[in-house]
Amino acid sequence: MIADIDPANGGALAGSEVDIFDDIFRDTFDMTEEEGTETNLYAEMNNTPKVAFREPGAETLSFEYMDTSPDRLKLFLGGEVNTVGQEKIWSKPANQGIIYKHVTITLLDGTIMVIPRAKVVGAKNFQFRRNNIWTLDVSLTPLTPEFPALAPMDIKEPTV
């Protein structure tokens, strides 16, 4: 589920939720974490660090999305959707800004992952093939929420 961020509390803005479950291309949804960095600080004549700092690597969720309708292009790529007659038309943005969304992922066992503020980056993967479809390559990067009480990511165990 992807939603706009509620400016009042940092949660999902009511009424803006979009369920994207049915159109994620099979076997493409992954979460990866880059290798972190470690910095050791040494005294001049000592081979053992006095202090060590560790920074985790960036986390990214990625998937291919099969719905390339104008509304979904706007959701993942920005731009505008206008209706001309009976047709919806997506217009690519002149400059692609950063898209921020609230993301909730519910697994089959009931585990829920909540990312209050994610950077959304989409890229067109339009293959003009007889045996293929157009997809959007989407990546979501958890960011620090604008509300200090919220964590960048919460994972809630299933309720029985």
Protein backbone atom coordinates (compact mmCIF):
# COMPACT_ATOMS: atom_id res chain seq x y z
CA MET A 1 0.00 0.00 0.00
CA ILE A 2 1.37 3.41 -0.97
CA ALA A 3 -0.12 6.66 0.30
CA ASP A 4 0.59 10.35 0.52
CA ILE A 5 2.14 11.44 3.82
CA ASP A 6 -0.26 13.14 6.21
CA PRO A 7 1.32 16.50 7.09
CA ALA A 8 -0.47 16.49 10.47
CA ASN A 9 1.09 13.30 11.88
CA GLY A 10 3.43 11.67 9.32
CA GLY A 11 1.13 8.69 8.82
CA ALA A 12 -0.75 7.67 5.69
CA LEU A 13 -3.07 10.42 4.47
CA ALA A 14 -6.60 9.05 4.66
CA GLY A 15 -8.17 8.54 1.25
CA SER A 16 -4.87 8.61 -0.66
CA GLU A 17 -4.00 4.92 -0.25
CA VAL A 18 -3.24 2.94 -3.41
CA ASP A 19 -3.11 -0.85 -3.20
CA ILE A 20 -0.39 -1.91 -5.64
CA PHE A 21 -0.30 -5.61 -4.70
CA ASP A 22 -2.00 -7.08 -7.76
CA ASP A 23 0.33 -5.46 -10.29
CA ILE A 24 3.78 -6.24 -8.89
CA PHE A 25 5.52 -8.46 -11.43
CA ARG A 26 6.10 -11.94 -9.96
CA ASP A 27 9.45 -12.62 -8.29
CA THR A 28 10.70 -9.02 -8.54
CA PHE A 29 9.96 -7.58 -5.06
CA ASP A 30 13.21 -7.46 -3.08
CA MET A 31 14.66 -5.64 -0.11
CA THR A 32 18.41 -5.14 -0.04
CA GLU A 33 20.79 -3.48 2.37
CA GLU A 34 24.12 -2.17 1.18
CA GLU A 35 27.22 -3.04 3.17
CA GLY A 36 27.81 -0.48 5.87
CA THR A 37 31.00 1.40 6.59
CA GLU A 38 33.20 1.17 9.64
CA THR A 39 35.72 3.75 10.78
CA ASN A 40 38.38 2.91 13.36
CA LEU A 41 40.35 5.64 15.16
CA TYR A 42 43.80 4.79 16.52
CA ALA A 43 46.30 6.29 18.93
CA GLU A 44 49.65 6.91 17.22
CA MET A 45 51.52 4.02 18.80
CA ASN A 46 48.70 1.50 19.18
CA ASN A 47 47.35 -1.04 16.66
CA THR A 48 44.09 -1.48 18.53
CA PRO A 49 41.38 1.10 17.78
CA LYS A 50 40.46 3.52 20.56
CA VAL A 51 37.06 4.24 19.03
CA ALA A 52 35.07 2.57 16.25
CA PHE A 53 32.12 3.98 14.35
CA ARG A 54 29.70 1.95 12.25
CA GLU A 55 27.18 3.28 9.77
CA PRO A 56 24.65 0.91 8.25
CA GLY A 57 24.22 0.69 4.50
CA ALA A 58 21.24 2.14 2.67
CA GLU A 59 18.14 -0.06 2.45
CA THR A 60 16.17 -0.29 -0.76
CA LEU A 61 12.97 -2.05 -1.71
CA SER A 62 12.61 -2.67 -5.43
CA PHE A 63 10.10 -4.24 -7.77
CA GLU A 64 8.80 -4.20 -11.30
CA TYR A 65 5.30 -2.83 -11.67
CA MET A 66 3.03 -3.98 -14.50
CA ASP A 67 0.36 -1.23 -14.45
CA THR A 68 1.63 1.57 -16.71
CA SER A 69 -1.64 3.50 -16.80
CA PRO A 70 -1.43 7.31 -16.61
CA ASP A 71 -2.37 7.29 -12.90
CA ARG A 72 0.42 4.82 -12.05
CA LEU A 73 2.95 6.70 -14.17
CA LYS A 74 2.14 9.80 -12.11
CA LEU A 75 2.38 7.84 -8.84
CA PHE A 76 5.87 6.49 -9.57
CA LEU A 77 7.32 9.06 -12.01
CA GLY A 78 5.59 12.32 -11.12
CA GLY A 79 4.10 14.54 -13.79
CA GLU A 80 0.45 15.28 -14.40
CA VAL A 81 -2.61 13.36 -15.55
CA ASN A 82 -5.23 15.23 -17.55
CA THR A 83 -8.47 13.98 -19.05
CA VAL A 84 -9.11 14.91 -22.65
CA GLY A 85 -12.51 13.71 -23.79
CA GLN A 86 -12.72 10.21 -22.33
CA GLU A 87 -8.95 9.60 -22.31
CA LYS A 88 -6.50 10.06 -19.49
CA ILE A 89 -3.13 11.40 -20.63
CA TRP A 90 0.06 11.35 -18.54
CA SER A 91 2.47 14.22 -19.14
CA LYS A 92 6.08 13.66 -18.16
CA PRO A 93 7.44 16.27 -15.74
CA ALA A 94 9.94 18.75 -17.17
CA ASN A 95 12.16 18.18 -14.14
CA GLN A 96 11.77 15.06 -12.08
CA GLY A 97 11.49 16.05 -8.45
CA ILE A 98 11.65 13.73 -5.49
CA ILE A 99 8.50 11.79 -4.65
CA TYR A 100 7.90 10.95 -0.99
CA LYS A 101 5.28 8.39 0.05
CA HIS A 102 4.11 6.43 3.09
CA VAL A 103 4.51 2.68 2.46
CA THR A 104 2.85 -0.23 4.26
CA ILE A 105 3.76 -3.80 3.32
CA THR A 106 1.67 -6.68 4.66
CA LEU A 107 3.13 -10.18 4.27
CA LEU A 108 1.09 -13.37 3.93
CA ASP A 109 1.77 -14.31 7.56
CA GLY A 110 0.36 -10.97 8.77
CA THR A 111 3.71 -9.27 9.43
CA ILE A 112 3.44 -5.56 8.65
CA MET A 113 6.33 -3.31 7.61
CA VAL A 114 5.65 0.42 7.83
CA ILE A 115 7.87 3.04 6.21
CA PRO A 116 6.47 6.46 7.12
CA ARG A 117 8.61 8.33 4.56
CA ALA A 118 10.12 6.66 1.52
CA LYS A 119 11.79 8.20 -1.50
CA VAL A 120 10.14 6.77 -4.61
CA VAL A 121 12.14 6.46 -7.82
CA GLY A 122 10.58 5.00 -10.93
CA ALA A 123 12.07 4.26 -14.32
CA LYS A 124 10.30 3.18 -17.49
CA ASN A 125 11.22 -0.31 -18.66
CA PHE A 126 9.22 -0.30 -21.87
CA GLN A 127 10.20 -3.29 -23.97
CA PHE A 128 8.57 -3.40 -27.36
CA ARG A 129 8.48 -7.17 -27.70
CA ARG A 130 5.87 -9.64 -28.86
CA ASN A 131 6.25 -11.69 -25.66
CA ASN A 132 6.68 -9.00 -23.04
CA ILE A 133 4.89 -6.11 -21.39
CA TRP A 134 5.82 -2.62 -20.28
CA THR A 135 6.86 -2.33 -16.66
CA LEU A 136 8.09 0.34 -14.30
CA ASP A 137 11.24 -0.35 -12.29
CA VAL A 138 10.44 1.08 -8.88
CA SER A 139 12.74 1.56 -5.89
CA LEU A 140 11.73 2.77 -2.45
CA THR A 141 14.35 4.06 -0.01
CA PRO A 142 13.35 4.53 3.65
CA LEU A 143 14.19 8.04 4.87
CA THR A 144 14.08 9.71 8.26
CA PRO A 145 10.47 10.74 8.94
CA GLU A 146 9.67 14.41 9.42
CA PHE A 147 8.07 13.57 12.78
CA PRO A 148 10.69 12.71 15.44
CA ALA A 149 8.37 10.24 17.19
CA LEU A 150 8.36 7.99 14.11
CA ALA A 151 11.07 5.48 13.21
CA PRO A 152 12.32 5.16 9.60
CA MET A 153 10.88 1.62 9.55
CA ASP A 154 8.78 -0.50 11.87
CA ILE A 155 8.14 -4.22 11.50
CA LYS A 156 5.15 -5.48 13.48
CA GLU A 157 4.75 -9.16 14.22
CA PRO A 158 1.55 -10.87 13.11
CA THR A 159 -1.42 -10.73 15.43
CA VAL A 160 -2.98 -14.06 16.25
